[in-house]
Amino acid sequence: MTARPEESLVREARDAALAVLARDDSAAEASRTLAGAVAMLADLLDAHRPTGAAACPACETAAPCPTMRRVAAALVSHGAWQGAPLDRGAAWACADAHFNRSAAGGARRLVLLSDLGAFYVARGVSAVLPEPPQVPVPGGETVLVLDKASGRTSRWPLLPDADLIVQYRRYLRGEPMILDGRPTAERPLRPRLFQRGAWAIRSSPIP
């Protein structure tokens, strides 16, 4: 059976989109091409929509329309009816939106997400964050800093946000960090956490 003009256009758009997707440097172009293919598919479905007489105006055949049947078979074969698989990140975002709706008010809740095979289960957890001490203590609470520019991570003692900003800038400039009014070089060595001066940052790239 010879493809009708609408079907040929959709096939050409599909092939063009797949060809562009194969080129790693053309994601934006592929998105535009694929969007065009979807628009053409929508036009095709409108053209083959059954009329009141249950006949396809494009194929001039009684329902079911053969073109509509082929489109449905293609969508089923590619799993389009199932929707996209839900990864852990998307599941967490969905659960976070559920437990922390703006209309709910109050303090934000943490989300505990468990993978139970065929599904995820999410629980909202209420927690009270500890107040940062005036002076960090060895073995105390720590935080993870993720650098936006380099992507490197580093562990720091729990500090007020304003103090952490100042000390991180000093760390990036290679200057000694001052945590209690004295340069870190004057403090006892605490190798457990830091090693630049008395407190040294252990940084590593994000995997």
C-alpha atoms as a PDB file:
ATOM      1  CA  MET A   1       0.000   0.000   0.000  1.00  0.00           C
ATOM      2  CA  THR A   2       1.353   3.392  -1.008  1.00  0.00           C
ATOM      3  CA  ALA A   3       1.760   5.837   1.868  1.00  0.00           C
ATOM      4  CA  ARG A   4      -0.456   8.889   1.702  1.00  0.00           C
ATOM      5  CA  PRO A   5       1.190  12.365   1.616  1.00  0.00           C
ATOM      6  CA  GLU A   6       0.543  13.010   5.320  1.00  0.00           C
ATOM      7  CA  GLU A   7       2.162   9.717   6.296  1.00  0.00           C
ATOM      8  CA  SER A   8       5.189  10.403   4.085  1.00  0.00           C
ATOM      9  CA  LEU A   9       5.714  13.781   5.747  1.00  0.00           C
ATOM     10  CA  VAL A  10       5.611  12.215   9.208  1.00  0.00           C
ATOM     11  CA  ARG A  11       8.079   9.522   8.179  1.00  0.00           C
ATOM     12  CA  GLU A  12      10.449  12.097   6.700  1.00  0.00           C
ATOM     13  CA  ALA A  13      10.267  14.193   9.858  1.00  0.00           C
ATOM     14  CA  ARG A  14      10.866  11.125  12.010  1.00  0.00           C
ATOM     15  CA  ASP A  15      13.900  10.067   9.976  1.00  0.00           C
ATOM     16  CA  ALA A  16      15.302  13.599  10.108  1.00  0.00           C
ATOM     17  CA  ALA A  17      14.860  13.741  13.878  1.00  0.00           C
ATOM     18  CA  LEU A  18      16.588  10.393  14.380  1.00  0.00           C
ATOM     19  CA  ALA A  19      19.475  11.472  12.151  1.00  0.00           C
ATOM     20  CA  VAL A  20      19.958  14.663  14.140  1.00  0.00           C
ATOM     21  CA  LEU A  21      19.700  12.808  17.456  1.00  0.00           C
ATOM     22  CA  ALA A  22      22.586  10.608  16.337  1.00  0.00           C
ATOM     23  CA  ARG A  23      24.820  13.696  16.361  1.00  0.00           C
ATOM     24  CA  ASP A  24      25.851  14.458  19.931  1.00  0.00           C
ATOM     25  CA  ASP A  25      26.283  18.191  19.275  1.00  0.00           C
ATOM     26  CA  SER A  26      22.798  18.833  17.909  1.00  0.00           C
ATOM     27  CA  ALA A  27      20.407  18.261  20.817  1.00  0.00           C
ATOM     28  CA  ALA A  28      18.609  21.588  20.311  1.00  0.00           C
ATOM     29  CA  GLU A  29      18.166  20.979  16.575  1.00  0.00           C
ATOM     30  CA  ALA A  30      16.894  17.469  17.292  1.00  0.00           C
ATOM     31  CA  SER A  31      14.324  18.843  19.728  1.00  0.00           C
ATOM     32  CA  ARG A  32      12.986  21.264  17.112  1.00  0.00           C
ATOM     33  CA  THR A  33      12.849  18.560  14.458  1.00  0.00           C
ATOM     34  CA  LEU A  34      11.124  16.140  16.792  1.00  0.00           C
ATOM     35  CA  ALA A  35       8.623  18.823  17.784  1.00  0.00           C
ATOM     36  CA  GLY A  36       7.841  19.298  14.097  1.00  0.00           C
ATOM     37  CA  ALA A  37       7.319  15.564  13.682  1.00  0.00           C
ATOM     38  CA  VAL A  38       4.906  15.506  16.606  1.00  0.00           C
ATOM     39  CA  ALA A  39       2.977  18.427  15.119  1.00  0.00           C
ATOM     40  CA  MET A  40       2.737  16.595  11.783  1.00  0.00           C
ATOM     41  CA  LEU A  41       1.545  13.468  13.575  1.00  0.00           C
ATOM     42  CA  ALA A  42      -1.180  15.505  15.256  1.00  0.00           C
ATOM     43  CA  ASP A  43      -2.265  16.864  11.857  1.00  0.00           C
ATOM     44  CA  LEU A  44      -2.306  13.342  10.452  1.00  0.00           C
ATOM     45  CA  LEU A  45      -4.511  12.094  13.278  1.00  0.00           C
ATOM     46  CA  ASP A  46      -6.891  15.022  12.766  1.00  0.00           C
ATOM     47  CA  ALA A  47      -7.103  14.251   9.044  1.00  0.00           C
ATOM     48  CA  HIS A  48      -7.953  10.610   9.753  1.00  0.00           C
ATOM     49  CA  ARG A  49     -10.391  11.295  12.590  1.00  0.00           C
ATOM     50  CA  PRO A  50     -13.646   9.397  11.919  1.00  0.00           C
ATOM     51  CA  THR A  51     -16.682  11.481  10.952  1.00  0.00           C
ATOM     52  CA  GLY A  52     -20.221  11.083  12.171  1.00  0.00           C
ATOM     53  CA  ALA A  53     -20.710   8.296   9.646  1.00  0.00           C
ATOM     54  CA  ALA A  54     -17.808   6.370  11.263  1.00  0.00           C
ATOM     55  CA  ALA A  55     -15.783   6.666   8.057  1.00  0.00           C
ATOM     56  CA  CYS A  56     -12.232   7.986   7.649  1.00  0.00           C
ATOM     57  CA  PRO A  57     -12.363  11.117   5.450  1.00  0.00           C
ATOM     58  CA  ALA A  58      -8.738  10.681   4.316  1.00  0.00           C
ATOM     59  CA  CYS A  59      -8.683   6.937   3.579  1.00  0.00           C
ATOM     60  CA  GLU A  60     -12.363   6.887   2.566  1.00  0.00           C
ATOM     61  CA  THR A  61     -12.800   3.607   4.396  1.00  0.00           C
ATOM     62  CA  ALA A  62     -15.125   2.491   7.136  1.00  0.00           C
ATOM     63  CA  ALA A  63     -13.816   2.408  10.691  1.00  0.00           C
ATOM     64  CA  PRO A  64     -11.403   1.255  11.922  1.00  0.00           C
ATOM     65  CA  CYS A  65      -9.103   3.451   9.818  1.00  0.00           C
ATOM     66  CA  PRO A  66      -5.997   1.486   8.701  1.00  0.00           C
ATOM     67  CA  THR A  67      -3.754   4.510   9.231  1.00  0.00           C
ATOM     68  CA  MET A  68      -5.010   4.978  12.792  1.00  0.00           C
ATOM     69  CA  ARG A  69      -4.468   1.281  13.453  1.00  0.00           C
ATOM     70  CA  ARG A  70      -0.842   1.502  12.217  1.00  0.00           C
ATOM     71  CA  VAL A  71      -0.171   4.570  14.366  1.00  0.00           C
ATOM     72  CA  ALA A  72      -1.644   2.839  17.421  1.00  0.00           C
ATOM     73  CA  ALA A  73       0.418  -0.291  16.759  1.00  0.00           C
ATOM     74  CA  ALA A  74       3.612   1.774  16.448  1.00  0.00           C
ATOM     75  CA  LEU A  75       2.935   3.583  19.727  1.00  0.00           C
ATOM     76  CA  VAL A  76       2.238   0.322  21.540  1.00  0.00           C
ATOM     77  CA  SER A  77       5.352  -1.351  20.114  1.00  0.00           C
ATOM     78  CA  HIS A  78       7.509   1.510  21.413  1.00  0.00           C
ATOM     79  CA  GLY A  79       5.845   1.472  24.820  1.00  0.00           C
ATOM     80  CA  ALA A  80       4.425   4.975  24.436  1.00  0.00           C
ATOM     81  CA  TRP A  81       1.230   4.003  26.228  1.00  0.00           C
ATOM     82  CA  GLN A  82       3.179   3.040  29.333  1.00  0.00           C
ATOM     83  CA  GLY A  83       4.779   6.441  29.870  1.00  0.00           C
ATOM     84  CA  ALA A  84       8.432   7.082  30.647  1.00  0.00           C
ATOM     85  CA  PRO A  85      10.068   5.004  33.413  1.00  0.00           C
ATOM     86  CA  LEU A  86      10.355   6.892  36.686  1.00  0.00           C
ATOM     87  CA  ASP A  87      13.926   7.214  37.951  1.00  0.00           C
ATOM     88  CA  ARG A  88      14.879   7.882  41.560  1.00  0.00           C
ATOM     89  CA  GLY A  89      15.500  11.591  41.040  1.00  0.00           C
ATOM     90  CA  ALA A  90      12.102  12.176  39.427  1.00  0.00           C
ATOM     91  CA  ALA A  91      10.404  10.107  42.134  1.00  0.00           C
ATOM     92  CA  TRP A  92      12.050  12.195  44.861  1.00  0.00           C
ATOM     93  CA  ALA A  93      11.009  15.453  43.160  1.00  0.00           C
ATOM     94  CA  CYS A  94       7.415  14.225  42.922  1.00  0.00           C
ATOM     95  CA  ALA A  95       7.381  13.180  46.591  1.00  0.00           C
ATOM     96  CA  ASP A  96       8.973  16.467  47.685  1.00  0.00           C
ATOM     97  CA  ALA A  97       6.280  18.414  45.839  1.00  0.00           C
ATOM     98  CA  HIS A  98       3.622  16.254  47.531  1.00  0.00           C
ATOM     99  CA  PHE A  99       4.905  16.648  51.089  1.00  0.00           C
ATOM    100  CA  ASN A 100       5.929  20.299  50.760  1.00  0.00           C
ATOM    101  CA  ARG A 101       3.074  21.935  48.909  1.00  0.00           C
ATOM    102  CA  SER A 102       3.078  25.689  49.364  1.00  0.00           C
ATOM    103  CA  ALA A 103      -0.529  25.505  50.524  1.00  0.00           C
ATOM    104  CA  ALA A 104       0.393  23.160  53.368  1.00  0.00           C
ATOM    105  CA  GLY A 105       2.344  25.842  55.259  1.00  0.00           C
ATOM    106  CA  GLY A 106       4.634  25.188  58.187  1.00  0.00           C
ATOM    107  CA  ALA A 107       8.172  23.859  58.144  1.00  0.00           C
ATOM    108  CA  ARG A 108       9.424  21.859  55.190  1.00  0.00           C
ATOM    109  CA  ARG A 109       9.575  18.107  55.622  1.00  0.00           C
ATOM    110  CA  LEU A 110      12.447  15.898  54.586  1.00  0.00           C
ATOM    111  CA  VAL A 111      11.674  13.068  52.178  1.00  0.00           C
ATOM    112  CA  LEU A 112      12.791   9.494  52.826  1.00  0.00           C
ATOM    113  CA  LEU A 113      12.596   7.544  49.562  1.00  0.00           C
ATOM    114  CA  SER A 114      12.884   3.742  49.457  1.00  0.00           C
ATOM    115  CA  ASP A 115      13.175   1.611  46.321  1.00  0.00           C
ATOM    116  CA  LEU A 116      10.931  -1.450  46.718  1.00  0.00           C
ATOM    117  CA  GLY A 117      11.472  -3.063  43.341  1.00  0.00           C
ATOM    118  CA  ALA A 118       8.464  -2.237  41.170  1.00  0.00           C
ATOM    119  CA  PHE A 119       7.754   1.011  43.003  1.00  0.00           C
ATOM    120  CA  TYR A 120       9.157   3.675  45.312  1.00  0.00           C
ATOM    121  CA  VAL A 121       7.679   4.546  48.676  1.00  0.00           C
ATOM    122  CA  ALA A 122       8.179   8.032  50.086  1.00  0.00           C
ATOM    123  CA  ARG A 123       7.741   9.181  53.664  1.00  0.00           C
ATOM    124  CA  GLY A 124       7.688  12.719  54.942  1.00  0.00           C
ATOM    125  CA  VAL A 125      10.061  13.208  57.867  1.00  0.00           C
ATOM    126  CA  SER A 126       9.941  16.134  60.275  1.00  0.00           C
ATOM    127  CA  ALA A 127      13.314  17.026  61.767  1.00  0.00           C
ATOM    128  CA  VAL A 128      14.827  19.803  63.843  1.00  0.00           C
ATOM    129  CA  LEU A 129      18.201  20.952  62.526  1.00  0.00           C
ATOM    130  CA  PRO A 130      20.874  21.605  65.166  1.00  0.00           C
ATOM    131  CA  GLU A 131      21.979  25.174  65.741  1.00  0.00           C
ATOM    132  CA  PRO A 132      25.566  25.827  64.579  1.00  0.00           C
ATOM    133  CA  PRO A 133      27.961  26.193  67.534  1.00  0.00           C
ATOM    134  CA  GLN A 134      29.972  29.371  67.971  1.00  0.00           C
ATOM    135  CA  VAL A 135      33.185  27.344  67.680  1.00  0.00           C
ATOM    136  CA  PRO A 136      33.311  23.995  65.797  1.00  0.00           C
ATOM    137  CA  VAL A 137      34.128  21.017  67.985  1.00  0.00           C
ATOM    138  CA  PRO A 138      36.068  17.924  66.852  1.00  0.00           C
ATOM    139  CA  GLY A 139      33.751  15.068  66.010  1.00  0.00           C
ATOM    140  CA  GLY A 140      30.770  17.402  65.815  1.00  0.00           C
ATOM    141  CA  GLU A 141      28.188  17.885  63.096  1.00  0.00           C
ATOM    142  CA  THR A 142      29.570  18.445  59.583  1.00  0.00           C
ATOM    143  CA  VAL A 143      28.114  19.727  56.321  1.00  0.00           C
ATOM    144  CA  LEU A 144      28.887  18.959  52.679  1.00  0.00           C
ATOM    145  CA  VAL A 145      29.798  21.923  50.459  1.00  0.00           C
ATOM    146  CA  LEU A 146      29.335  21.493  46.690  1.00  0.00           C
ATOM    147  CA  ASP A 147      31.201  24.096  44.647  1.00  0.00           C
ATOM    148  CA  LYS A 148      29.101  25.447  41.772  1.00  0.00           C
ATOM    149  CA  ALA A 149      32.079  26.409  39.593  1.00  0.00           C
ATOM    150  CA  SER A 150      34.292  23.330  39.929  1.00  0.00           C
ATOM    151  CA  GLY A 151      31.825  20.657  40.998  1.00  0.00           C
ATOM    152  CA  ARG A 152      34.119  19.604  43.844  1.00  0.00           C
ATOM    153  CA  THR A 153      32.790  18.662  47.259  1.00  0.00           C
ATOM    154  CA  SER A 154      34.296  19.287  50.678  1.00  0.00           C
ATOM    155  CA  ARG A 155      33.346  18.528  54.275  1.00  0.00           C
ATOM    156  CA  TRP A 156      33.165  21.402  56.720  1.00  0.00           C
ATOM    157  CA  PRO A 157      32.279  21.777  60.387  1.00  0.00           C
ATOM    158  CA  LEU A 158      28.776  23.038  61.076  1.00  0.00           C
ATOM    159  CA  LEU A 159      28.917  26.848  60.889  1.00  0.00           C
ATOM    160  CA  PRO A 160      26.355  29.640  60.548  1.00  0.00           C
ATOM    161  CA  ASP A 161      25.750  30.338  56.854  1.00  0.00           C
ATOM    162  CA  ALA A 162      27.337  33.797  57.006  1.00  0.00           C
ATOM    163  CA  ASP A 163      30.496  32.409  58.632  1.00  0.00           C
ATOM    164  CA  LEU A 164      30.672  29.526  56.170  1.00  0.00           C
ATOM    165  CA  ILE A 165      30.553  31.957  53.227  1.00  0.00           C
ATOM    166  CA  VAL A 166      33.443  33.991  54.637  1.00  0.00           C
ATOM    167  CA  GLN A 167      35.578  30.967  55.524  1.00  0.00           C
ATOM    168  CA  TYR A 168      34.976  29.264  52.165  1.00  0.00           C
ATOM    169  CA  ARG A 169      36.146  32.373  50.336  1.00  0.00           C
ATOM    170  CA  ARG A 170      39.287  32.392  52.490  1.00  0.00           C
ATOM    171  CA  TYR A 171      39.817  28.716  51.743  1.00  0.00           C
ATOM    172  CA  LEU A 172      39.567  29.295  47.973  1.00  0.00           C
ATOM    173  CA  ARG A 173      42.129  32.089  48.233  1.00  0.00           C
ATOM    174  CA  GLY A 174      44.488  29.818  50.196  1.00  0.00           C
ATOM    175  CA  GLU A 175      44.205  31.960  53.320  1.00  0.00           C
ATOM    176  CA  PRO A 176      44.060  30.531  56.862  1.00  0.00           C
ATOM    177  CA  MET A 177      40.538  30.103  58.167  1.00  0.00           C
ATOM    178  CA  ILE A 178      39.626  31.935  61.362  1.00  0.00           C
ATOM    179  CA  LEU A 179      37.002  30.107  63.385  1.00  0.00           C
ATOM    180  CA  ASP A 180      37.226  31.660  66.856  1.00  0.00           C
ATOM    181  CA  GLY A 181      39.146  34.885  66.417  1.00  0.00           C
ATOM    182  CA  ARG A 182      42.497  33.123  65.985  1.00  0.00           C
ATOM    183  CA  PRO A 183      44.120  31.966  62.722  1.00  0.00           C
ATOM    184  CA  THR A 184      43.686  28.247  62.269  1.00  0.00           C
ATOM    185  CA  ALA A 185      47.488  27.803  62.342  1.00  0.00           C
ATOM    186  CA  GLU A 186      47.399  28.627  66.073  1.00  0.00           C
ATOM    187  CA  ARG A 187      44.843  25.949  66.887  1.00  0.00           C
ATOM    188  CA  PRO A 188      45.718  22.348  67.821  1.00  0.00           C
ATOM    189  CA  LEU A 189      45.986  20.034  64.825  1.00  0.00           C
ATOM    190  CA  ARG A 190      42.802  18.093  64.215  1.00  0.00           C
ATOM    191  CA  PRO A 191      43.545  15.837  61.233  1.00  0.00           C
ATOM    192  CA  ARG A 192      40.237  14.038  61.420  1.00  0.00           C
ATOM    193  CA  LEU A 193      38.424  16.671  59.418  1.00  0.00           C
ATOM    194  CA  PHE A 194      40.776  19.322  58.036  1.00  0.00           C
ATOM    195  CA  GLN A 195      44.423  19.744  57.235  1.00  0.00           C
ATOM    196  CA  ARG A 196      44.935  23.262  55.892  1.00  0.00           C
ATOM    197  CA  GLY A 197      46.141  25.081  58.986  1.00  0.00           C
ATOM    198  CA  ALA A 198      44.410  23.239  61.781  1.00  0.00           C
ATOM    199  CA  TRP A 199      41.270  22.544  59.785  1.00  0.00           C
ATOM    200  CA  ALA A 200      42.004  21.153  56.311  1.00  0.00           C
ATOM    201  CA  ILE A 201      39.385  20.597  53.645  1.00  0.00           C
ATOM    202  CA  ARG A 202      39.130  17.181  52.064  1.00  0.00           C
ATOM    203  CA  SER A 203      37.647  17.889  48.677  1.00  0.00           C
ATOM    204  CA  SER A 204      36.802  15.563  45.842  1.00  0.00           C
ATOM    205  CA  PRO A 205      35.027  15.813  42.468  1.00  0.00           C
ATOM    206  CA  ILE A 206      31.364  14.929  42.276  1.00  0.00           C
ATOM    207  CA  PRO A 207      31.034  11.430  40.753  1.00  0.00           C
END
